[in-house]
Amino acid sequence: MTNQQAVKGLKTIKTYCSSTLLEELEYAIKVIEKLERDGVADPLNTDFSKIQKN
């Protein structure tokens, strides 16, 4: 699964999501979108300990 597929699925789920969880769902979407922008194509198999902190 790609980041784009995950975001697309989460946005679909957002339609049916309880209003009490929208903020958390939106946060998850933003995290995955940021990972994609930063070049992390496979976050589940990425060793984040090797990434430099800003």
PDB file of N, CA and C in Angstrom:
ATOM      1  N   MET A   1       0.852  -1.169   0.000  1.00  0.00           N
ATOM      2  CA  MET A   1       0.000   0.000   0.000  1.00  0.00           C
ATOM      3  C   MET A   1       0.899   1.235   0.000  1.00  0.00           C
ATOM      4  N   THR A   2       0.490   2.239  -0.741  1.00  0.00           N
ATOM      5  CA  THR A   2       1.247   3.482  -0.791  1.00  0.00           C
ATOM      6  C   THR A   2       0.651   4.503   0.180  1.00  0.00           C
ATOM      7  N   ASN A   3       1.420   5.551   0.428  1.00  0.00           N
ATOM      8  CA  ASN A   3       0.920   6.636   1.270  1.00  0.00           C
ATOM      9  C   ASN A   3      -0.332   7.253   0.661  1.00  0.00           C
ATOM     10  N   GLN A   4      -0.341   7.412  -0.659  1.00  0.00           N
ATOM     11  CA  GLN A   4      -1.495   8.013  -1.327  1.00  0.00           C
ATOM     12  C   GLN A   4      -2.743   7.161  -1.168  1.00  0.00           C
ATOM     13  N   GLN A   5      -2.578   5.845  -1.236  1.00  0.00           N
ATOM     14  CA  GLN A   5      -3.722   4.950  -1.045  1.00  0.00           C
ATOM     15  C   GLN A   5      -4.241   5.037   0.384  1.00  0.00           C
ATOM     16  N   ALA A   6      -3.328   5.123   1.331  1.00  0.00           N
ATOM     17  CA  ALA A   6      -3.733   5.242   2.740  1.00  0.00           C
ATOM     18  C   ALA A   6      -4.495   6.547   2.976  1.00  0.00           C
ATOM     19  N   VAL A   7      -3.991   7.639   2.432  1.00  0.00           N
ATOM     20  CA  VAL A   7      -4.658   8.941   2.602  1.00  0.00           C
ATOM     21  C   VAL A   7      -6.030   8.909   1.941  1.00  0.00           C
ATOM     22  N   LYS A   8      -6.114   8.340   0.757  1.00  0.00           N
ATOM     23  CA  LYS A   8      -7.407   8.245   0.064  1.00  0.00           C
ATOM     24  C   LYS A   8      -8.408   7.457   0.905  1.00  0.00           C
ATOM     25  N   GLY A   9      -7.963   6.336   1.471  1.00  0.00           N
ATOM     26  CA  GLY A   9      -8.834   5.531   2.320  1.00  0.00           C
ATOM     27  C   GLY A   9      -9.263   6.273   3.573  1.00  0.00           C
ATOM     28  N   LEU A  10      -8.322   6.961   4.207  1.00  0.00           N
ATOM     29  CA  LEU A  10      -8.658   7.719   5.422  1.00  0.00           C
ATOM     30  C   LEU A  10      -9.639   8.854   5.127  1.00  0.00           C
ATOM     31  N   LYS A  11      -9.481   9.482   3.976  1.00  0.00           N
ATOM     32  CA  LYS A  11     -10.418  10.557   3.614  1.00  0.00           C
ATOM     33  C   LYS A  11     -11.812   9.999   3.354  1.00  0.00           C
ATOM     34  N   THR A  12     -11.887   8.781   2.820  1.00  0.00           N
ATOM     35  CA  THR A  12     -13.181   8.132   2.638  1.00  0.00           C
ATOM     36  C   THR A  12     -13.798   7.806   3.992  1.00  0.00           C
ATOM     37  N   ILE A  13     -12.987   7.262   4.887  1.00  0.00           N
ATOM     38  CA  ILE A  13     -13.461   6.950   6.235  1.00  0.00           C
ATOM     39  C   ILE A  13     -13.946   8.207   6.944  1.00  0.00           C
ATOM     40  N   LYS A  14     -13.273   9.328   6.671  1.00  0.00           N
ATOM     41  CA  LYS A  14     -13.625  10.602   7.304  1.00  0.00           C
ATOM     42  C   LYS A  14     -15.094  10.947   7.084  1.00  0.00           C
ATOM     43  N   THR A  15     -15.630  10.560   5.939  1.00  0.00           N
ATOM     44  CA  THR A  15     -17.031  10.804   5.617  1.00  0.00           C
ATOM     45  C   THR A  15     -17.960  10.138   6.626  1.00  0.00           C
ATOM     46  N   TYR A  16     -17.560   8.984   7.123  1.00  0.00           N
ATOM     47  CA  TYR A  16     -18.399   8.192   8.016  1.00  0.00           C
ATOM     48  C   TYR A  16     -17.968   8.273   9.486  1.00  0.00           C
ATOM     49  N   CYS A  17     -16.938   9.033   9.741  1.00  0.00           N
ATOM     50  CA  CYS A  17     -16.336   9.093  11.076  1.00  0.00           C
ATOM     51  C   CYS A  17     -17.188   9.904  12.050  1.00  0.00           C
ATOM     52  N   SER A  18     -17.165   9.484  13.290  1.00  0.00           N
ATOM     53  CA  SER A  18     -17.826  10.223  14.362  1.00  0.00           C
ATOM     54  C   SER A  18     -17.164  11.589  14.501  1.00  0.00           C
ATOM     55  N   SER A  19     -17.954  12.605  14.738  1.00  0.00           N
ATOM     56  CA  SER A  19     -17.412  13.962  14.848  1.00  0.00           C
ATOM     57  C   SER A  19     -16.426  14.090  16.004  1.00  0.00           C
ATOM     58  N   THR A  20     -16.522  13.205  16.992  1.00  0.00           N
ATOM     59  CA  THR A  20     -15.603  13.278  18.132  1.00  0.00           C
ATOM     60  C   THR A  20     -14.208  12.780  17.778  1.00  0.00           C
ATOM     61  N   LEU A  21     -14.056  12.121  16.623  1.00  0.00           N
ATOM     62  CA  LEU A  21     -12.750  11.592  16.223  1.00  0.00           C
ATOM     63  C   LEU A  21     -12.184  12.258  14.967  1.00  0.00           C
ATOM     64  N   LEU A  22     -12.855  13.273  14.451  1.00  0.00           N
ATOM     65  CA  LEU A  22     -12.392  13.924  13.228  1.00  0.00           C
ATOM     66  C   LEU A  22     -11.012  14.549  13.390  1.00  0.00           C
ATOM     67  N   GLU A  23     -10.746  15.155  14.524  1.00  0.00           N
ATOM     68  CA  GLU A  23      -9.449  15.803  14.742  1.00  0.00           C
ATOM     69  C   GLU A  23      -8.310  14.775  14.686  1.00  0.00           C
ATOM     70  N   GLU A  24      -8.510  13.631  15.312  1.00  0.00           N
ATOM     71  CA  GLU A  24      -7.498  12.583  15.300  1.00  0.00           C
ATOM     72  C   GLU A  24      -7.286  12.018  13.901  1.00  0.00           C
ATOM     73  N   LEU A  25      -8.369  11.824  13.170  1.00  0.00           N
ATOM     74  CA  LEU A  25      -8.276  11.309  11.810  1.00  0.00           C
ATOM     75  C   LEU A  25      -7.567  12.305  10.905  1.00  0.00           C
ATOM     76  N   GLU A  26      -7.893  13.571  11.033  1.00  0.00           N
ATOM     77  CA  GLU A  26      -7.245  14.617  10.230  1.00  0.00           C
ATOM     78  C   GLU A  26      -5.751  14.677  10.544  1.00  0.00           C
ATOM     79  N   TYR A  27      -5.395  14.500  11.805  1.00  0.00           N
ATOM     80  CA  TYR A  27      -3.982  14.478  12.201  1.00  0.00           C
ATOM     81  C   TYR A  27      -3.255  13.327  11.503  1.00  0.00           C
ATOM     82  N   ALA A  28      -3.849  12.143  11.512  1.00  0.00           N
ATOM     83  CA  ALA A  28      -3.238  10.982  10.864  1.00  0.00           C
ATOM     84  C   ALA A  28      -3.042  11.230   9.371  1.00  0.00           C
ATOM     85  N   ILE A  29      -4.010  11.849   8.733  1.00  0.00           N
ATOM     86  CA  ILE A  29      -3.910  12.173   7.305  1.00  0.00           C
ATOM     87  C   ILE A  29      -2.743  13.128   7.075  1.00  0.00           C
ATOM     88  N   LYS A  30      -2.634  14.154   7.898  1.00  0.00           N
ATOM     89  CA  LYS A  30      -1.548  15.134   7.746  1.00  0.00           C
ATOM     90  C   LYS A  30      -0.183  14.495   7.961  1.00  0.00           C
ATOM     91  N   VAL A  31      -0.077  13.571   8.912  1.00  0.00           N
ATOM     92  CA  VAL A  31       1.194  12.885   9.158  1.00  0.00           C
ATOM     93  C   VAL A  31       1.610  12.085   7.938  1.00  0.00           C
ATOM     94  N   ILE A  32       0.693  11.323   7.379  1.00  0.00           N
ATOM     95  CA  ILE A  32       1.027  10.505   6.208  1.00  0.00           C
ATOM     96  C   ILE A  32       1.368  11.388   5.013  1.00  0.00           C
ATOM     97  N   GLU A  33       0.631  12.478   4.825  1.00  0.00           N
ATOM     98  CA  GLU A  33       0.940  13.396   3.726  1.00  0.00           C
ATOM     99  C   GLU A  33       2.320  14.018   3.905  1.00  0.00           C
ATOM    100  N   LYS A  34       2.693  14.359   5.126  1.00  0.00           N
ATOM    101  CA  LYS A  34       4.018  14.928   5.379  1.00  0.00           C
ATOM    102  C   LYS A  34       5.102  13.896   5.114  1.00  0.00           C
ATOM    103  N   LEU A  35       4.895  12.679   5.548  1.00  0.00           N
ATOM    104  CA  LEU A  35       5.870  11.631   5.263  1.00  0.00           C
ATOM    105  C   LEU A  35       6.087  11.501   3.759  1.00  0.00           C
ATOM    106  N   GLU A  36       5.011  11.529   3.004  1.00  0.00           N
ATOM    107  CA  GLU A  36       5.105  11.428   1.546  1.00  0.00           C
ATOM    108  C   GLU A  36       5.897  12.605   0.972  1.00  0.00           C
ATOM    109  N   ARG A  37       5.583  13.815   1.428  1.00  0.00           N
ATOM    110  CA  ARG A  37       6.303  15.013   0.947  1.00  0.00           C
ATOM    111  C   ARG A  37       7.791  14.931   1.290  1.00  0.00           C
ATOM    112  N   ASP A  38       8.117  14.345   2.426  1.00  0.00           N
ATOM    113  CA  ASP A  38       9.502  14.248   2.877  1.00  0.00           C
ATOM    114  C   ASP A  38      10.238  13.044   2.292  1.00  0.00           C
ATOM    115  N   GLY A  39       9.574  12.316   1.412  1.00  0.00           N
ATOM    116  CA  GLY A  39      10.232  11.225   0.707  1.00  0.00           C
ATOM    117  C   GLY A  39      10.206   9.890   1.419  1.00  0.00           C
ATOM    118  N   VAL A  40       9.376   9.742   2.425  1.00  0.00           N
ATOM    119  CA  VAL A  40       9.262   8.463   3.137  1.00  0.00           C
ATOM    120  C   VAL A  40       8.115   7.695   2.484  1.00  0.00           C
ATOM    121  N   ALA A  41       8.472   6.856   1.524  1.00  0.00           N
ATOM    122  CA  ALA A  41       7.458   6.151   0.740  1.00  0.00           C
ATOM    123  C   ALA A  41       6.913   4.918   1.460  1.00  0.00           C
ATOM    124  N   ASP A  42       7.696   4.343   2.370  1.00  0.00           N
ATOM    125  CA  ASP A  42       7.285   3.126   3.060  1.00  0.00           C
ATOM    126  C   ASP A  42       7.541   3.283   4.558  1.00  0.00           C
ATOM    127  N   PRO A  43       6.705   4.067   5.248  1.00  0.00           N
ATOM    128  CA  PRO A  43       6.980   4.385   6.653  1.00  0.00           C
ATOM    129  C   PRO A  43       7.002   3.180   7.586  1.00  0.00           C
ATOM    130  N   LEU A  44       6.302   2.114   7.258  1.00  0.00           N
ATOM    131  CA  LEU A  44       6.289   0.941   8.134  1.00  0.00           C
ATOM    132  C   LEU A  44       7.603   0.171   8.086  1.00  0.00           C
ATOM    133  N   ASN A  45       8.382   0.385   7.046  1.00  0.00           N
ATOM    134  CA  ASN A  45       9.666  -0.313   6.904  1.00  0.00           C
ATOM    135  C   ASN A  45      10.843   0.655   6.885  1.00  0.00           C
ATOM    136  N   THR A  46      10.655   1.840   7.416  1.00  0.00           N
ATOM    137  CA  THR A  46      11.702   2.857   7.443  1.00  0.00           C
ATOM    138  C   THR A  46      12.337   2.884   8.826  1.00  0.00           C
ATOM    139  N   ASP A  47      13.669   2.913   8.846  1.00  0.00           N
ATOM    140  CA  ASP A  47      14.400   3.033  10.108  1.00  0.00           C
ATOM    141  C   ASP A  47      14.562   4.523  10.426  1.00  0.00           C
ATOM    142  N   PHE A  48      13.660   5.051  11.218  1.00  0.00           N
ATOM    143  CA  PHE A  48      13.649   6.471  11.529  1.00  0.00           C
ATOM    144  C   PHE A  48      14.814   6.874  12.429  1.00  0.00           C
ATOM    145  N   SER A  49      15.496   5.919  13.031  1.00  0.00           N
ATOM    146  CA  SER A  49      16.632   6.254  13.893  1.00  0.00           C
ATOM    147  C   SER A  49      17.804   6.787  13.076  1.00  0.00           C
ATOM    148  N   LYS A  50      17.806   6.514  11.772  1.00  0.00           N
ATOM    149  CA  LYS A  50      18.879   6.982  10.910  1.00  0.00           C
ATOM    150  C   LYS A  50      18.588   8.339  10.276  1.00  0.00           C
ATOM    151  N   ILE A  51      17.403   8.880  10.517  1.00  0.00           N
ATOM    152  CA  ILE A  51      17.033  10.171   9.957  1.00  0.00           C
ATOM    153  C   ILE A  51      17.519  11.265  10.898  1.00  0.00           C
ATOM    154  N   GLN A  52      18.181  12.265  10.334  1.00  0.00           N
ATOM    155  CA  GLN A  52      18.689  13.367  11.147  1.00  0.00           C
ATOM    156  C   GLN A  52      17.552  14.238  11.630  1.00  0.00           C
ATOM    157  N   LYS A  53      17.667  14.679  12.865  1.00  0.00           N
ATOM    158  CA  LYS A  53      16.682  15.607  13.430  1.00  0.00           C
ATOM    159  C   LYS A  53      17.069  17.016  13.087  1.00  0.00           C
ATOM    160  N   ASN A  54      16.072  17.835  12.790  1.00  0.00           N
ATOM    161  CA  ASN A  54      16.346  19.254  12.463  1.00  0.00           C
ATOM    162  C   ASN A  54      16.483  20.075  13.710  1.00  0.00           C
TER     163      ASN A  54
END
